[in-house]
Amino acid sequence: GVREWNFSLRGMGDRELLAAAQLA
């Protein structure tokens, strides 16, 4: 799960990262 998650974050900007973090 961690490897899949980290791969999915590639290329994300700050707002996308904050949204992904909030989901977690």
PDB file of all heavy atoms in Angstrom:
ATOM      1  N   GLY A   1       0.812  -1.215   0.000  1.00  0.00           N
ATOM      2  CA  GLY A   1       0.000   0.000   0.000  1.00  0.00           C
ATOM      3  C   GLY A   1       0.844   1.262   0.000  1.00  0.00           C
ATOM      4  O   GLY A   1       0.534   2.229  -0.705  1.00  0.00           O
ATOM      5  N   VAL A   2       1.923   1.265   0.774  1.00  0.00           N
ATOM      6  CA  VAL A   2       2.797   2.434   0.825  1.00  0.00           C
ATOM      7  C   VAL A   2       3.438   2.684  -0.536  1.00  0.00           C
ATOM      8  O   VAL A   2       3.528   3.831  -0.996  1.00  0.00           O
ATOM      9  CB  VAL A   2       3.869   2.254   1.926  1.00  0.00           C
ATOM     10  CG1 VAL A   2       4.989   3.286   1.787  1.00  0.00           C
ATOM     11  CG2 VAL A   2       3.226   2.360   3.306  1.00  0.00           C
ATOM     12  N   ARG A   3       3.893   1.622  -1.208  1.00  0.00           N
ATOM     13  CA  ARG A   3       4.524   1.798  -2.521  1.00  0.00           C
ATOM     14  C   ARG A   3       3.522   2.320  -3.543  1.00  0.00           C
ATOM     15  O   ARG A   3       3.837   3.211  -4.341  1.00  0.00           O
ATOM     16  CB  ARG A   3       5.145   0.477  -2.981  1.00  0.00           C
ATOM     17  CG  ARG A   3       6.327   0.047  -2.124  1.00  0.00           C
ATOM     18  CD  ARG A   3       7.122  -1.061  -2.776  1.00  0.00           C
ATOM     19  NE  ARG A   3       6.383  -2.309  -2.857  1.00  0.00           N
ATOM     20  CZ  ARG A   3       6.331  -3.225  -1.888  1.00  0.00           C
ATOM     21  NH1 ARG A   3       6.959  -3.010  -0.743  1.00  0.00           N
ATOM     22  NH2 ARG A   3       5.658  -4.344  -2.046  1.00  0.00           N
ATOM     23  N   GLU A   4       2.304   1.777  -3.521  1.00  0.00           N
ATOM     24  CA  GLU A   4       1.265   2.252  -4.439  1.00  0.00           C
ATOM     25  C   GLU A   4       0.928   3.716  -4.150  1.00  0.00           C
ATOM     26  O   GLU A   4       0.779   4.537  -5.065  1.00  0.00           O
ATOM     27  CB  GLU A   4       0.015   1.390  -4.294  1.00  0.00           C
ATOM     28  CG  GLU A   4      -1.182   1.838  -5.120  1.00  0.00           C
ATOM     29  CD  GLU A   4      -1.324   1.125  -6.442  1.00  0.00           C
ATOM     30  OE1 GLU A   4      -1.400  -0.111  -6.465  1.00  0.00           O
ATOM     31  OE2 GLU A   4      -1.386   1.839  -7.480  1.00  0.00           O
ATOM     32  N   TRP A   5       0.832   4.049  -2.874  1.00  0.00           N
ATOM     33  CA  TRP A   5       0.495   5.424  -2.463  1.00  0.00           C
ATOM     34  C   TRP A   5       1.569   6.404  -2.939  1.00  0.00           C
ATOM     35  O   TRP A   5       1.262   7.435  -3.552  1.00  0.00           O
ATOM     36  CB  TRP A   5       0.359   5.481  -0.947  1.00  0.00           C
ATOM     37  CG  TRP A   5      -0.041   6.826  -0.401  1.00  0.00           C
ATOM     38  CD1 TRP A   5       0.792   7.861  -0.102  1.00  0.00           C
ATOM     39  CD2 TRP A   5      -1.366   7.278  -0.113  1.00  0.00           C
ATOM     40  NE1 TRP A   5       0.074   8.929   0.368  1.00  0.00           N
ATOM     41  CE2 TRP A   5      -1.249   8.600   0.368  1.00  0.00           C
ATOM     42  CE3 TRP A   5      -2.625   6.694  -0.199  1.00  0.00           C
ATOM     43  CZ2 TRP A   5      -2.369   9.340   0.767  1.00  0.00           C
ATOM     44  CZ3 TRP A   5      -3.742   7.437   0.197  1.00  0.00           C
ATOM     45  CH2 TRP A   5      -3.600   8.740   0.666  1.00  0.00           C
ATOM     46  N   ASN A   6       2.817   6.082  -2.670  1.00  0.00           N
ATOM     47  CA  ASN A   6       3.904   6.997  -3.034  1.00  0.00           C
ATOM     48  C   ASN A   6       4.008   7.187  -4.537  1.00  0.00           C
ATOM     49  O   ASN A   6       4.282   8.290  -5.017  1.00  0.00           O
ATOM     50  CB  ASN A   6       5.233   6.494  -2.463  1.00  0.00           C
ATOM     51  CG  ASN A   6       5.296   6.622  -0.954  1.00  0.00           C
ATOM     52  OD1 ASN A   6       4.517   7.354  -0.343  1.00  0.00           O
ATOM     53  ND2 ASN A   6       6.208   5.903  -0.335  1.00  0.00           N
ATOM     54  N   PHE A   7       3.786   6.130  -5.287  1.00  0.00           N
ATOM     55  CA  PHE A   7       3.794   6.241  -6.747  1.00  0.00           C
ATOM     56  C   PHE A   7       2.685   7.183  -7.214  1.00  0.00           C
ATOM     57  O   PHE A   7       2.878   7.991  -8.134  1.00  0.00           O
ATOM     58  CB  PHE A   7       3.604   4.862  -7.376  1.00  0.00           C
ATOM     59  CG  PHE A   7       3.588   4.863  -8.882  1.00  0.00           C
ATOM     60  CD1 PHE A   7       4.774   4.863  -9.605  1.00  0.00           C
ATOM     61  CD2 PHE A   7       2.388   4.861  -9.589  1.00  0.00           C
ATOM     62  CE1 PHE A   7       4.769   4.862 -10.986  1.00  0.00           C
ATOM     63  CE2 PHE A   7       2.371   4.865 -10.969  1.00  0.00           C
ATOM     64  CZ  PHE A   7       3.567   4.865 -11.680  1.00  0.00           C
ATOM     65  N   SER A   8       1.542   7.103  -6.554  1.00  0.00           N
ATOM     66  CA  SER A   8       0.393   7.928  -6.954  1.00  0.00           C
ATOM     67  C   SER A   8       0.625   9.410  -6.699  1.00  0.00           C
ATOM     68  O   SER A   8      -0.034  10.256  -7.321  1.00  0.00           O
ATOM     69  CB  SER A   8      -0.863   7.469  -6.204  1.00  0.00           C
ATOM     70  OG  SER A   8      -1.157   6.121  -6.489  1.00  0.00           O
ATOM     71  N   LEU A   9       1.544   9.748  -5.802  1.00  0.00           N
ATOM     72  CA  LEU A   9       1.801  11.154  -5.474  1.00  0.00           C
ATOM     73  C   LEU A   9       2.693  11.854  -6.489  1.00  0.00           C
ATOM     74  O   LEU A   9       2.819  13.083  -6.453  1.00  0.00           O
ATOM     75  CB  LEU A   9       2.463  11.255  -4.095  1.00  0.00           C
ATOM     76  CG  LEU A   9       1.696  10.678  -2.906  1.00  0.00           C
ATOM     77  CD1 LEU A   9       2.501  10.870  -1.625  1.00  0.00           C
ATOM     78  CD2 LEU A   9       0.314  11.315  -2.761  1.00  0.00           C
ATOM     79  N   ARG A  10       3.334  11.082  -7.382  1.00  0.00           N
ATOM     80  CA  ARG A  10       4.278  11.693  -8.322  1.00  0.00           C
ATOM     81  C   ARG A  10       3.577  12.771  -9.152  1.00  0.00           C
ATOM     82  O   ARG A  10       2.499  12.571  -9.684  1.00  0.00           O
ATOM     83  CB  ARG A  10       4.838  10.632  -9.280  1.00  0.00           C
ATOM     84  CG  ARG A  10       5.712   9.604  -8.615  1.00  0.00           C
ATOM     85  CD  ARG A  10       6.171   8.516  -9.588  1.00  0.00           C
ATOM     86  NE  ARG A  10       5.115   8.158 -10.507  1.00  0.00           N
ATOM     87  CZ  ARG A  10       5.110   8.466 -11.809  1.00  0.00           C
ATOM     88  NH1 ARG A  10       6.124   9.111 -12.332  1.00  0.00           N
ATOM     89  NH2 ARG A  10       4.105   8.104 -12.576  1.00  0.00           N
ATOM     90  N   GLY A  11       4.233  13.922  -9.240  1.00  0.00           N
ATOM     91  CA  GLY A  11       3.715  15.003 -10.072  1.00  0.00           C
ATOM     92  C   GLY A  11       2.626  15.848  -9.437  1.00  0.00           C
ATOM     93  O   GLY A  11       2.149  16.798 -10.051  1.00  0.00           O
ATOM     94  N   MET A  12       2.216  15.522  -8.215  1.00  0.00           N
ATOM     95  CA  MET A  12       1.154  16.303  -7.572  1.00  0.00           C
ATOM     96  C   MET A  12       1.703  17.637  -7.074  1.00  0.00           C
ATOM     97  O   MET A  12       2.825  17.717  -6.574  1.00  0.00           O
ATOM     98  CB  MET A  12       0.556  15.537  -6.387  1.00  0.00           C
ATOM     99  CG  MET A  12      -0.334  14.377  -6.766  1.00  0.00           C
ATOM    100  SD  MET A  12      -1.192  13.725  -5.294  1.00  0.00           S
ATOM    101  CE  MET A  12      -2.151  12.398  -6.025  1.00  0.00           C
ATOM    102  N   GLY A  13       0.887  18.677  -7.182  1.00  0.00           N
ATOM    103  CA  GLY A  13       1.205  19.975  -6.606  1.00  0.00           C
ATOM    104  C   GLY A  13       0.763  20.037  -5.151  1.00  0.00           C
ATOM    105  O   GLY A  13       0.188  19.081  -4.614  1.00  0.00           O
ATOM    106  N   ASP A  14       1.000  21.181  -4.520  1.00  0.00           N
ATOM    107  CA  ASP A  14       0.704  21.311  -3.095  1.00  0.00           C
ATOM    108  C   ASP A  14      -0.751  21.003  -2.749  1.00  0.00           C
ATOM    109  O   ASP A  14      -1.029  20.282  -1.788  1.00  0.00           O
ATOM    110  CB  ASP A  14       1.051  22.725  -2.619  1.00  0.00           C
ATOM    111  CG  ASP A  14       2.533  22.886  -2.302  1.00  0.00           C
ATOM    112  OD1 ASP A  14       3.307  21.933  -2.546  1.00  0.00           O
ATOM    113  OD2 ASP A  14       2.914  23.964  -1.808  1.00  0.00           O
ATOM    114  N   ARG A  15      -1.676  21.546  -3.514  1.00  0.00           N
ATOM    115  CA  ARG A  15      -3.090  21.352  -3.170  1.00  0.00           C
ATOM    116  C   ARG A  15      -3.510  19.893  -3.336  1.00  0.00           C
ATOM    117  O   ARG A  15      -4.264  19.358  -2.511  1.00  0.00           O
ATOM    118  CB  ARG A  15      -3.979  22.258  -4.035  1.00  0.00           C
ATOM    119  CG  ARG A  15      -3.739  23.743  -3.876  1.00  0.00           C
ATOM    120  CD  ARG A  15      -4.051  24.232  -2.473  1.00  0.00           C
ATOM    121  NE  ARG A  15      -5.450  24.143  -2.134  1.00  0.00           N
ATOM    122  CZ  ARG A  15      -5.970  24.487  -0.954  1.00  0.00           C
ATOM    123  NH1 ARG A  15      -5.176  24.942   0.011  1.00  0.00           N
ATOM    124  NH2 ARG A  15      -7.263  24.373  -0.714  1.00  0.00           N
ATOM    125  N   GLU A  16      -2.994  19.239  -4.368  1.00  0.00           N
ATOM    126  CA  GLU A  16      -3.304  17.816  -4.556  1.00  0.00           C
ATOM    127  C   GLU A  16      -2.706  16.982  -3.428  1.00  0.00           C
ATOM    128  O   GLU A  16      -3.332  16.036  -2.936  1.00  0.00           O
ATOM    129  CB  GLU A  16      -2.759  17.341  -5.898  1.00  0.00           C
ATOM    130  CG  GLU A  16      -3.424  17.974  -7.109  1.00  0.00           C
ATOM    131  CD  GLU A  16      -2.635  17.730  -8.380  1.00  0.00           C
ATOM    132  OE1 GLU A  16      -1.471  18.180  -8.453  1.00  0.00           O
ATOM    133  OE2 GLU A  16      -3.181  17.079  -9.296  1.00  0.00           O
ATOM    134  N   LEU A  17      -1.496  17.341  -3.004  1.00  0.00           N
ATOM    135  CA  LEU A  17      -0.863  16.620  -1.900  1.00  0.00           C
ATOM    136  C   LEU A  17      -1.638  16.819  -0.603  1.00  0.00           C
ATOM    137  O   LEU A  17      -1.828  15.870   0.170  1.00  0.00           O
ATOM    138  CB  LEU A  17       0.576  17.088  -1.731  1.00  0.00           C
ATOM    139  CG  LEU A  17       1.557  16.645  -2.815  1.00  0.00           C
ATOM    140  CD1 LEU A  17       2.870  17.420  -2.700  1.00  0.00           C
ATOM    141  CD2 LEU A  17       1.826  15.141  -2.725  1.00  0.00           C
ATOM    142  N   LEU A  18      -2.086  18.032  -0.355  1.00  0.00           N
ATOM    143  CA  LEU A  18      -2.868  18.283   0.853  1.00  0.00           C
ATOM    144  C   LEU A  18      -4.172  17.485   0.839  1.00  0.00           C
ATOM    145  O   LEU A  18      -4.598  16.961   1.872  1.00  0.00           O
ATOM    146  CB  LEU A  18      -3.173  19.776   0.988  1.00  0.00           C
ATOM    147  CG  LEU A  18      -1.981  20.691   1.305  1.00  0.00           C
ATOM    148  CD1 LEU A  18      -2.412  22.158   1.271  1.00  0.00           C
ATOM    149  CD2 LEU A  18      -1.382  20.348   2.671  1.00  0.00           C
ATOM    150  N   ALA A  19      -4.791  17.372  -0.338  1.00  0.00           N
ATOM    151  CA  ALA A  19      -6.030  16.599  -0.441  1.00  0.00           C
ATOM    152  C   ALA A  19      -5.771  15.115  -0.220  1.00  0.00           C
ATOM    153  O   ALA A  19      -6.544  14.426   0.463  1.00  0.00           O
ATOM    154  CB  ALA A  19      -6.673  16.829  -1.811  1.00  0.00           C
ATOM    155  N   ALA A  20      -4.678  14.606  -0.784  1.00  0.00           N
ATOM    156  CA  ALA A  20      -4.330  13.199  -0.579  1.00  0.00           C
ATOM    157  C   ALA A  20      -4.012  12.949   0.892  1.00  0.00           C
ATOM    158  O   ALA A  20      -4.436  11.938   1.475  1.00  0.00           O
ATOM    159  CB  ALA A  20      -3.144  12.819  -1.461  1.00  0.00           C
ATOM    160  N   ALA A  21      -3.248  13.862   1.501  1.00  0.00           N
ATOM    161  CA  ALA A  21      -2.913  13.716   2.920  1.00  0.00           C
ATOM    162  C   ALA A  21      -4.173  13.708   3.771  1.00  0.00           C
ATOM    163  O   ALA A  21      -4.306  12.904   4.711  1.00  0.00           O
ATOM    164  CB  ALA A  21      -1.987  14.847   3.356  1.00  0.00           C
ATOM    165  N   GLN A  22      -5.135  14.593   3.444  1.00  0.00           N
ATOM    166  CA  GLN A  22      -6.370  14.658   4.225  1.00  0.00           C
ATOM    167  C   GLN A  22      -7.163  13.363   4.115  1.00  0.00           C
ATOM    168  O   GLN A  22      -7.769  12.908   5.092  1.00  0.00           O
ATOM    169  CB  GLN A  22      -7.221  15.847   3.760  1.00  0.00           C
ATOM    170  CG  GLN A  22      -8.391  16.168   4.672  1.00  0.00           C
ATOM    171  CD  GLN A  22      -7.945  16.504   6.092  1.00  0.00           C
ATOM    172  OE1 GLN A  22      -6.879  17.078   6.309  1.00  0.00           O
ATOM    173  NE2 GLN A  22      -8.747  16.122   7.079  1.00  0.00           N
ATOM    174  N   LEU A  23      -7.136  12.759   2.926  1.00  0.00           N
ATOM    175  CA  LEU A  23      -7.804  11.476   2.743  1.00  0.00           C
ATOM    176  C   LEU A  23      -7.218  10.435   3.688  1.00  0.00           C
ATOM    177  O   LEU A  23      -7.938   9.685   4.345  1.00  0.00           O
ATOM    178  CB  LEU A  23      -7.651  11.024   1.280  1.00  0.00           C
ATOM    179  CG  LEU A  23      -8.268   9.678   0.898  1.00  0.00           C
ATOM    180  CD1 LEU A  23      -9.785   9.704   1.050  1.00  0.00           C
ATOM    181  CD2 LEU A  23      -7.896   9.318  -0.542  1.00  0.00           C
ATOM    182  N   ALA A  24      -5.895  10.407   3.789  1.00  0.00           N
ATOM    183  CA  ALA A  24      -5.242   9.462   4.693  1.00  0.00           C
ATOM    184  C   ALA A  24      -5.530   9.802   6.148  1.00  0.00           C
ATOM    185  O   ALA A  24      -5.754   8.906   6.977  1.00  0.00           O
ATOM    186  CB  ALA A  24      -3.738   9.455   4.435  1.00  0.00           C
TER     187      ALA A  24
END
